[in-house]
PDB file of N, CA and C in Angstrom:
ATOM      1  N   MET A   1       0.862  -1.143  -0.008  1.00  0.00           N
ATOM      2  CA  MET A   1       0.047  -0.005   0.057  1.00  0.00           C
ATOM      3  C   MET A   1       0.837   1.231  -0.015  1.00  0.00           C
ATOM      4  N   ALA A   2       0.524   2.228  -0.762  1.00  0.00           N
ATOM      5  CA  ALA A   2       1.305   3.440  -0.836  1.00  0.00           C
ATOM      6  C   ALA A   2       0.253   4.586  -0.665  1.00  0.00           C
ATOM      7  N   THR A   3       0.718   5.767  -0.380  1.00  0.00           N
ATOM      8  CA  THR A   3      -0.089   6.965  -0.268  1.00  0.00           C
ATOM      9  C   THR A   3       0.147   7.834  -1.429  1.00  0.00           C
ATOM     10  N   TYR A   4      -0.894   8.174  -2.086  1.00  0.00           N
ATOM     11  CA  TYR A   4      -0.900   8.997  -3.330  1.00  0.00           C
ATOM     12  C   TYR A   4      -1.455  10.370  -2.923  1.00  0.00           C
ATOM     13  N   PHE A   5      -0.675  11.424  -3.376  1.00  0.00           N
ATOM     14  CA  PHE A   5      -1.066  12.852  -3.079  1.00  0.00           C
ATOM     15  C   PHE A   5      -1.462  13.481  -4.397  1.00  0.00           C
ATOM     16  N   VAL A   6      -2.640  14.014  -4.423  1.00  0.00           N
ATOM     17  CA  VAL A   6      -3.118  14.525  -5.837  1.00  0.00           C
ATOM     18  C   VAL A   6      -3.819  15.923  -5.603  1.00  0.00           C
ATOM     19  N   ALA A   7      -3.435  16.793  -6.615  1.00  0.00           N
ATOM     20  CA  ALA A   7      -3.974  18.082  -6.617  1.00  0.00           C
ATOM     21  C   ALA A   7      -4.940  18.044  -7.820  1.00  0.00           C
ATOM     22  N   LEU A   8      -6.146  18.568  -7.561  1.00  0.00           N
ATOM     23  CA  LEU A   8      -7.236  18.509  -8.626  1.00  0.00           C
ATOM     24  C   LEU A   8      -7.776  19.893  -8.856  1.00  0.00           C
ATOM     25  N   PRO A   9      -7.532  20.525  -9.916  1.00  0.00           N
ATOM     26  CA  PRO A   9      -8.183  21.864 -10.180  1.00  0.00           C
ATOM     27  C   PRO A   9      -9.669  21.819 -10.590  1.00  0.00           C
ATOM     28  N   PHE A  10     -10.311  22.877 -10.430  1.00  0.00           N
ATOM     29  CA  PHE A  10     -11.737  23.004 -10.827  1.00  0.00           C
ATOM     30  C   PHE A  10     -11.870  24.244 -11.706  1.00  0.00           C
ATOM     31  N   MET A  11     -12.759  24.203 -12.713  1.00  0.00           N
ATOM     32  CA  MET A  11     -13.053  25.425 -13.586  1.00  0.00           C
ATOM     33  C   MET A  11     -14.433  25.495 -13.738  1.00  0.00           C
ATOM     34  N   ILE A  12     -14.894  26.832 -14.073  1.00  0.00           N
ATOM     35  CA  ILE A  12     -16.367  27.071 -14.353  1.00  0.00           C
ATOM     36  C   ILE A  12     -16.616  26.885 -15.862  1.00  0.00           C
ATOM     37  N   LEU A  13     -17.561  26.045 -16.114  1.00  0.00           N
ATOM     38  CA  LEU A  13     -17.946  25.903 -17.655  1.00  0.00           C
ATOM     39  C   LEU A  13     -18.879  27.007 -18.079  1.00  0.00           C
ATOM     40  N   ASP A  14     -19.046  27.081 -19.379  1.00  0.00           N
ATOM     41  CA  ASP A  14     -19.915  28.124 -19.896  1.00  0.00           C
ATOM     42  C   ASP A  14     -21.357  28.042 -19.271  1.00  0.00           C
ATOM     43  N   ASP A  15     -21.808  26.913 -18.974  1.00  0.00           N
ATOM     44  CA  ASP A  15     -23.163  26.843 -18.357  1.00  0.00           C
ATOM     45  C   ASP A  15     -23.176  27.076 -16.918  1.00  0.00           C
ATOM     46  N   GLY A  16     -22.084  27.501 -16.295  1.00  0.00           N
ATOM     47  CA  GLY A  16     -22.066  27.865 -14.875  1.00  0.00           C
ATOM     48  C   GLY A  16     -21.714  26.676 -13.926  1.00  0.00           C
ATOM     49  N   THR A  17     -21.541  25.524 -14.475  1.00  0.00           N
ATOM     50  CA  THR A  17     -21.296  24.365 -13.638  1.00  0.00           C
ATOM     51  C   THR A  17     -19.757  24.215 -13.387  1.00  0.00           C
ATOM     52  N   GLN A  18     -19.300  23.552 -12.343  1.00  0.00           N
ATOM     53  CA  GLN A  18     -17.898  23.349 -12.182  1.00  0.00           C
ATOM     54  C   GLN A  18     -17.516  21.895 -12.707  1.00  0.00           C
ATOM     55  N   ALA A  19     -16.310  21.891 -13.198  1.00  0.00           N
ATOM     56  CA  ALA A  19     -15.846  20.706 -13.763  1.00  0.00           C
ATOM     57  C   ALA A  19     -14.368  20.472 -13.338  1.00  0.00           C
ATOM     58  N   ALA A  20     -13.974  19.303 -13.024  1.00  0.00           N
ATOM     59  CA  ALA A  20     -12.618  18.940 -12.622  1.00  0.00           C
ATOM     60  C   ALA A  20     -11.667  19.014 -13.829  1.00  0.00           C
ATOM     61  N   GLY A  21     -10.480  19.492 -13.499  1.00  0.00           N
ATOM     62  CA  GLY A  21      -9.456  19.555 -14.624  1.00  0.00           C
ATOM     63  C   GLY A  21      -8.587  18.385 -14.471  1.00  0.00           C
ATOM     64  N   GLU A  22      -7.329  18.586 -14.991  1.00  0.00           N
ATOM     65  CA  GLU A  22      -6.426  17.406 -14.993  1.00  0.00           C
ATOM     66  C   GLU A  22      -5.709  17.234 -13.641  1.00  0.00           C
ATOM     67  N   PRO A  23      -5.875  16.010 -12.994  1.00  0.00           N
ATOM     68  CA  PRO A  23      -5.241  15.831 -11.643  1.00  0.00           C
ATOM     69  C   PRO A  23      -3.686  15.654 -11.811  1.00  0.00           C
ATOM     70  N   LYS A  24      -2.933  16.003 -10.777  1.00  0.00           N
ATOM     71  CA  LYS A  24      -1.524  15.877 -10.846  1.00  0.00           C
ATOM     72  C   LYS A  24      -1.042  15.341  -9.526  1.00  0.00           C
ATOM     73  N   GLU A  25      -0.151  14.342  -9.613  1.00  0.00           N
ATOM     74  CA  GLU A  25       0.339  13.612  -8.479  1.00  0.00           C
ATOM     75  C   GLU A  25       1.538  14.275  -7.911  1.00  0.00           C
ATOM     76  N   PHE A  26       1.763  14.250  -6.576  1.00  0.00           N
ATOM     77  CA  PHE A  26       2.952  14.787  -5.931  1.00  0.00           C
ATOM     78  C   PHE A  26       3.551  13.841  -4.878  1.00  0.00           C
ATOM     79  N   PRO A  27       4.767  14.018  -4.400  1.00  0.00           N
ATOM     80  CA  PRO A  27       5.355  13.117  -3.579  1.00  0.00           C
ATOM     81  C   PRO A  27       5.064  13.319  -2.101  1.00  0.00           C
ATOM     82  N   SER A  28       4.471  14.467  -1.720  1.00  0.00           N
ATOM     83  CA  SER A  28       4.236  14.687  -0.296  1.00  0.00           C
ATOM     84  C   SER A  28       3.032  15.596  -0.034  1.00  0.00           C
ATOM     85  N   ALA A  29       2.482  15.634   1.142  1.00  0.00           N
ATOM     86  CA  ALA A  29       1.322  16.475   1.484  1.00  0.00           C
ATOM     87  C   ALA A  29       1.686  17.967   1.359  1.00  0.00           C
ATOM     88  N   HIS A  30       2.875  18.389   1.709  1.00  0.00           N
ATOM     89  CA  HIS A  30       3.321  19.745   1.623  1.00  0.00           C
ATOM     90  C   HIS A  30       3.242  20.106   0.097  1.00  0.00           C
ATOM     91  N   ALA A  31       3.886  19.270  -0.716  1.00  0.00           N
ATOM     92  CA  ALA A  31       3.957  19.626  -2.203  1.00  0.00           C
ATOM     93  C   ALA A  31       2.619  19.727  -2.790  1.00  0.00           C
ATOM     94  N   VAL A  32       1.670  18.747  -2.452  1.00  0.00           N
ATOM     95  CA  VAL A  32       0.373  18.812  -3.069  1.00  0.00           C
ATOM     96  C   VAL A  32      -0.434  20.000  -2.624  1.00  0.00           C
ATOM     97  N   LYS A  33      -0.287  20.387  -1.411  1.00  0.00           N
ATOM     98  CA  LYS A  33      -1.093  21.552  -0.868  1.00  0.00           C
ATOM     99  C   LYS A  33      -0.559  22.917  -1.561  1.00  0.00           C
ATOM    100  N   SER A  34       0.749  22.946  -1.722  1.00  0.00           N
ATOM    101  CA  SER A  34       1.350  24.085  -2.450  1.00  0.00           C
ATOM    102  C   SER A  34       0.865  24.191  -3.865  1.00  0.00           C
ATOM    103  N   CYS A  35       0.864  23.085  -4.596  1.00  0.00           N
ATOM    104  CA  CYS A  35       0.506  23.107  -5.967  1.00  0.00           C
ATOM    105  C   CYS A  35      -1.067  23.311  -6.123  1.00  0.00           C
ATOM    106  N   ALA A  36      -1.807  22.849  -5.231  1.00  0.00           N
ATOM    107  CA  ALA A  36      -3.222  22.954  -5.293  1.00  0.00           C
ATOM    108  C   ALA A  36      -3.533  24.534  -5.110  1.00  0.00           C
ATOM    109  N   ASN A  37      -2.899  25.145  -4.117  1.00  0.00           N
ATOM    110  CA  ASN A  37      -3.002  26.637  -4.031  1.00  0.00           C
ATOM    111  C   ASN A  37      -2.586  27.469  -5.287  1.00  0.00           C
ATOM    112  N   THR A  38      -1.539  26.986  -5.900  1.00  0.00           N
ATOM    113  CA  THR A  38      -1.133  27.631  -7.210  1.00  0.00           C
ATOM    114  C   THR A  38      -2.179  27.413  -8.253  1.00  0.00           C
ATOM    115  N   MET A  39      -2.786  26.187  -8.343  1.00  0.00           N
ATOM    116  CA  MET A  39      -3.729  25.874  -9.320  1.00  0.00           C
ATOM    117  C   MET A  39      -4.997  26.811  -9.038  1.00  0.00           C
ATOM    118  N   ALA A  40      -5.423  27.020  -7.862  1.00  0.00           N
ATOM    119  CA  ALA A  40      -6.566  27.837  -7.604  1.00  0.00           C
ATOM    120  C   ALA A  40      -6.326  29.301  -7.927  1.00  0.00           C
ATOM    121  N   LEU A  41      -5.118  29.779  -7.900  1.00  0.00           N
ATOM    122  CA  LEU A  41      -4.732  31.107  -8.230  1.00  0.00           C
ATOM    123  C   LEU A  41      -4.686  31.319  -9.775  1.00  0.00           C
ATOM    124  N   ASP A  42      -4.674  30.232 -10.517  1.00  0.00           N
ATOM    125  CA  ASP A  42      -4.625  30.324 -11.993  1.00  0.00           C
ATOM    126  C   ASP A  42      -5.834  30.861 -12.473  1.00  0.00           C
ATOM    127  N   GLU A  43      -5.898  31.859 -13.354  1.00  0.00           N
ATOM    128  CA  GLU A  43      -7.101  32.530 -13.777  1.00  0.00           C
ATOM    129  C   GLU A  43      -8.079  31.605 -14.569  1.00  0.00           C
ATOM    130  N   ARG A  44      -7.517  30.430 -15.044  1.00  0.00           N
ATOM    131  CA  ARG A  44      -8.395  29.509 -15.777  1.00  0.00           C
ATOM    132  C   ARG A  44      -9.278  28.636 -14.852  1.00  0.00           C
ATOM    133  N   ASN A  45      -8.792  28.657 -13.550  1.00  0.00           N
ATOM    134  CA  ASN A  45      -9.411  27.825 -12.533  1.00  0.00           C
ATOM    135  C   ASN A  45     -10.208  28.651 -11.534  1.00  0.00           C
ATOM    136  N   CYS A  46     -11.195  28.018 -10.880  1.00  0.00           N
ATOM    137  CA  CYS A  46     -11.983  28.633  -9.888  1.00  0.00           C
ATOM    138  C   CYS A  46     -11.547  28.185  -8.452  1.00  0.00           C
ATOM    139  N   GLY A  47     -10.865  26.996  -8.451  1.00  0.00           N
ATOM    140  CA  GLY A  47     -10.399  26.498  -7.249  1.00  0.00           C
ATOM    141  C   GLY A  47      -9.566  25.197  -7.347  1.00  0.00           C
ATOM    142  N   ALA A  48      -9.240  24.540  -6.318  1.00  0.00           N
ATOM    143  CA  ALA A  48      -8.473  23.302  -6.377  1.00  0.00           C
ATOM    144  C   ALA A  48      -8.558  22.599  -5.071  1.00  0.00           C
ATOM    145  N   VAL A  49      -8.349  21.270  -5.096  1.00  0.00           N
ATOM    146  CA  VAL A  49      -8.432  20.397  -3.924  1.00  0.00           C
ATOM    147  C   VAL A  49      -7.226  19.600  -3.831  1.00  0.00           C
ATOM    148  N   ALA A  50      -6.544  19.583  -2.688  1.00  0.00           N
ATOM    149  CA  ALA A  50      -5.455  18.670  -2.355  1.00  0.00           C
ATOM    150  C   ALA A  50      -6.021  17.479  -1.643  1.00  0.00           C
ATOM    151  N   PHE A  51      -5.699  16.292  -2.090  1.00  0.00           N
ATOM    152  CA  PHE A  51      -6.238  15.062  -1.299  1.00  0.00           C
ATOM    153  C   PHE A  51      -5.190  14.031  -1.352  1.00  0.00           C
ATOM    154  N   SER A  52      -5.373  13.009  -0.514  1.00  0.00           N
ATOM    155  CA  SER A  52      -4.484  11.802  -0.412  1.00  0.00           C
ATOM    156  C   SER A  52      -5.409  10.584  -0.542  1.00  0.00           C
ATOM    157  N   ARG A  53      -4.781   9.489  -0.898  1.00  0.00           N
ATOM    158  CA  ARG A  53      -5.500   8.185  -0.981  1.00  0.00           C
ATOM    159  C   ARG A  53      -4.494   7.105  -0.902  1.00  0.00           C
ATOM    160  N   ASN A  54      -4.767   6.168  -0.042  1.00  0.00           N
ATOM    161  CA  ASN A  54      -3.946   4.953   0.152  1.00  0.00           C
ATOM    162  C   ASN A  54      -4.430   3.846  -0.791  1.00  0.00           C
ATOM    163  N   GLY A  55      -3.519   3.085  -1.339  1.00  0.00           N
ATOM    164  CA  GLY A  55      -3.887   2.022  -2.198  1.00  0.00           C
ATOM    165  C   GLY A  55      -2.824   1.404  -2.806  1.00  0.00           C
ATOM    166  N   ASP A  56      -3.105   0.509  -3.711  1.00  0.00           N
ATOM    167  CA  ASP A  56      -2.250  -0.355  -4.533  1.00  0.00           C
ATOM    168  C   ASP A  56      -2.595  -0.178  -5.970  1.00  0.00           C
ATOM    169  N   SER A  57      -1.801   0.515  -6.663  1.00  0.00           N
ATOM    170  CA  SER A  57      -2.010   0.823  -8.130  1.00  0.00           C
ATOM    171  C   SER A  57      -2.008  -0.355  -9.011  1.00  0.00           C
ATOM    172  N   GLU A  58      -1.216  -1.399  -8.668  1.00  0.00           N
ATOM    173  CA  GLU A  58      -1.049  -2.592  -9.383  1.00  0.00           C
ATOM    174  C   GLU A  58      -2.378  -3.355  -9.276  1.00  0.00           C
ATOM    175  N   LEU A  59      -2.983  -3.391  -8.160  1.00  0.00           N
ATOM    176  CA  LEU A  59      -4.278  -4.158  -7.897  1.00  0.00           C
ATOM    177  C   LEU A  59      -5.489  -3.319  -8.280  1.00  0.00           C
ATOM    178  N   GLY A  60      -5.236  -1.974  -8.284  1.00  0.00           N
ATOM    179  CA  GLY A  60      -6.415  -1.153  -8.519  1.00  0.00           C
ATOM    180  C   GLY A  60      -7.301  -0.968  -7.325  1.00  0.00           C
ATOM    181  N   GLU A  61      -6.741  -1.160  -6.124  1.00  0.00           N
ATOM    182  CA  GLU A  61      -7.551  -1.107  -4.979  1.00  0.00           C
ATOM    183  C   GLU A  61      -7.095   0.156  -4.166  1.00  0.00           C
ATOM    184  N   PHE A  62      -8.079   0.957  -3.804  1.00  0.00           N
ATOM    185  CA  PHE A  62      -7.802   2.214  -3.229  1.00  0.00           C
ATOM    186  C   PHE A  62      -8.772   2.449  -2.018  1.00  0.00           C
ATOM    187  N   ALA A  63      -8.378   3.086  -0.970  1.00  0.00           N
ATOM    188  CA  ALA A  63      -9.227   3.591   0.207  1.00  0.00           C
ATOM    189  C   ALA A  63      -9.877   4.885  -0.314  1.00  0.00           C
ATOM    190  N   ASP A  64     -10.896   5.264   0.497  1.00  0.00           N
ATOM    191  CA  ASP A  64     -11.509   6.570   0.204  1.00  0.00           C
ATOM    192  C   ASP A  64     -10.488   7.645   0.342  1.00  0.00           C
ATOM    193  N   ALA A  65     -10.712   8.746  -0.541  1.00  0.00           N
ATOM    194  CA  ALA A  65      -9.805   9.922  -0.429  1.00  0.00           C
ATOM    195  C   ALA A  65      -9.984  10.697   0.803  1.00  0.00           C
ATOM    196  N   VAL A  66      -8.928  11.303   1.198  1.00  0.00           N
ATOM    197  CA  VAL A  66      -9.022  12.244   2.390  1.00  0.00           C
ATOM    198  C   VAL A  66      -8.598  13.582   1.778  1.00  0.00           C
ATOM    199  N   VAL A  67      -9.608  14.564   2.001  1.00  0.00           N
ATOM    200  CA  VAL A  67      -9.242  15.975   1.550  1.00  0.00           C
ATOM    201  C   VAL A  67      -8.338  16.592   2.573  1.00  0.00           C
ATOM    202  N   LEU A  68      -7.207  17.041   2.100  1.00  0.00           N
ATOM    203  CA  LEU A  68      -6.158  17.720   2.880  1.00  0.00           C
ATOM    204  C   LEU A  68      -6.492  19.180   3.068  1.00  0.00           C
ATOM    205  N   GLN A  69      -6.899  19.772   1.920  1.00  0.00           N
ATOM    206  CA  GLN A  69      -7.184  21.253   1.886  1.00  0.00           C
ATOM    207  C   GLN A  69      -7.879  21.603   0.555  1.00  0.00           C
ATOM    208  N   ARG A  70      -8.787  22.638   0.759  1.00  0.00           N
ATOM    209  CA  ARG A  70      -9.460  23.208  -0.512  1.00  0.00           C
ATOM    210  C   ARG A  70      -8.928  24.641  -0.571  1.00  0.00           C
ATOM    211  N   PHE A  71      -8.917  25.101  -1.842  1.00  0.00           N
ATOM    212  CA  PHE A  71      -8.472  26.462  -2.171  1.00  0.00           C
ATOM    213  C   PHE A  71      -9.522  26.965  -3.112  1.00  0.00           C
ATOM    214  N   GLY A  72      -9.971  28.167  -2.898  1.00  0.00           N
ATOM    215  CA  GLY A  72     -10.955  28.806  -3.931  1.00  0.00           C
ATOM    216  C   GLY A  72     -12.308  28.208  -3.838  1.00  0.00           C
ATOM    217  N   ASP A  73     -13.005  28.120  -4.966  1.00  0.00           N
ATOM    218  CA  ASP A  73     -14.360  27.691  -5.064  1.00  0.00           C
ATOM    219  C   ASP A  73     -14.322  26.257  -5.635  1.00  0.00           C
ATOM    220  N   THR A  74     -14.790  25.312  -4.764  1.00  0.00           N
ATOM    221  CA  THR A  74     -14.742  23.881  -5.104  1.00  0.00           C
ATOM    222  C   THR A  74     -16.085  23.299  -4.882  1.00  0.00           C
ATOM    223  N   PRO A  75     -16.531  22.319  -5.586  1.00  0.00           N
ATOM    224  CA  PRO A  75     -17.832  21.687  -5.242  1.00  0.00           C
ATOM    225  C   PRO A  75     -18.003  21.172  -3.835  1.00  0.00           C
ATOM    226  N   ASP A  76     -19.108  21.276  -3.235  1.00  0.00           N
ATOM    227  CA  ASP A  76     -19.367  20.905  -1.877  1.00  0.00           C
ATOM    228  C   ASP A  76     -19.284  19.340  -1.860  1.00  0.00           C
ATOM    229  N   ASP A  77     -19.792  18.696  -2.867  1.00  0.00           N
ATOM    230  CA  ASP A  77     -19.899  17.181  -2.940  1.00  0.00           C
ATOM    231  C   ASP A  77     -18.860  16.801  -3.851  1.00  0.00           C
ATOM    232  N   LEU A  78     -17.694  16.355  -3.335  1.00  0.00           N
ATOM    233  CA  LEU A  78     -16.584  15.824  -4.169  1.00  0.00           C
ATOM    234  C   LEU A  78     -16.715  14.382  -4.346  1.00  0.00           C
ATOM    235  N   ASN A  79     -16.592  13.874  -5.462  1.00  0.00           N
ATOM    236  CA  ASN A  79     -16.600  12.477  -5.759  1.00  0.00           C
ATOM    237  C   ASN A  79     -15.054  12.011  -6.253  1.00  0.00           C
ATOM    238  N   LEU A  80     -14.317  11.833  -5.233  1.00  0.00           N
ATOM    239  CA  LEU A  80     -12.911  11.600  -5.474  1.00  0.00           C
ATOM    240  C   LEU A  80     -12.644  10.179  -5.482  1.00  0.00           C
TER     241      LEU A  80
END
């Protein structure tokens, strides 16, 4: 089992709904929080979420995601 740290940006679509952008993996909690903050400040995005997940990528088995920090405007109901 390994811990994966992921930053996920969000953007506002033309119809006003939020959509997830391209996720990016990082080696640590500190690095993922820093990048998620930078993603949220990007004018193309409305916000970003830093989260972690434990699992085994070879088996495709993962525990539920744990939100580490939210930046900017993100959906209340995240399906990570």
